[in-house]
Amino acid sequence: MKAKDEKMPLWTLPNRLSVIRILFIPLIIIFIEKGFFFTASLLFIIAGITDGLDGFMARRLSLGSKFGVHLDSIADKLLVSSVLIALTYYRLVPLWVTIILVGREFIISGLRSFYAMEGIAIYPSFPGKLKTTLQIVGISCVLFHPRLQEAGVYIIYAALFFSIFSAGHYVLAIFRSQPQEQDPGADNVRSGASSSRHSGPETKD
């Protein structure tokens, strides 16, 4: 971990916003369960705003840290996955879409955690951030008004595309970060060929 992360306070303002986003989740689910979709949409939109706000403040105030990056990612995944599952229960979002989106989050999070223990940090990519934004916009439309539900589902389909695309991007980033092992046999062949060129018969003038 960098010295900057060691000196950075744990509960910075961006990190607090991420925690607030997590605390919003049970409230949103309760309002969905009670049928207050409009109220749930307002809370979800506020939570989505904090997603962009914490990243902006971390950059603006130089409060970024590895802990903040991972906390922000966890908050996003918990928020979106929980609400998607609730909407699928009420048949507002197709089950297969939710399975792919939520399954992708578990797989990528597992890979990032595993390689983080190996000292390899895989940070969110632009397609991954765009996926999250589209998910938030699409879910907000589904919750906000029945007339926007169809448009919201199509936006979630677009998020599904970028979800799969960004997953491939993460996998490629992981493989590129792996140190390439050299074949010792190949080195022996190259050294043998080199020595044979220099040890040829000498010619006299």
Foldseek 3Di string as FASTA:
>chain_A
DDPVQVPADPDDPLLVLLVVLQVLQVVLLVCVVVVVLQVSLVSLVVNVVSLVVSVVCCVVVVRDDPSSQVSSLVSLLNRLLSLVVSCVVVVLEPPVLSCLLNVLSVVLVVVQVVVVVVVDHDGQDPLNVVLSVLSSVLSSQCRNDVVSSVVSNVSSVVSSVSSVVSSVVSVVVVVVPDDDDDDVVVVVVVVVVVVPVVPDDDDDD
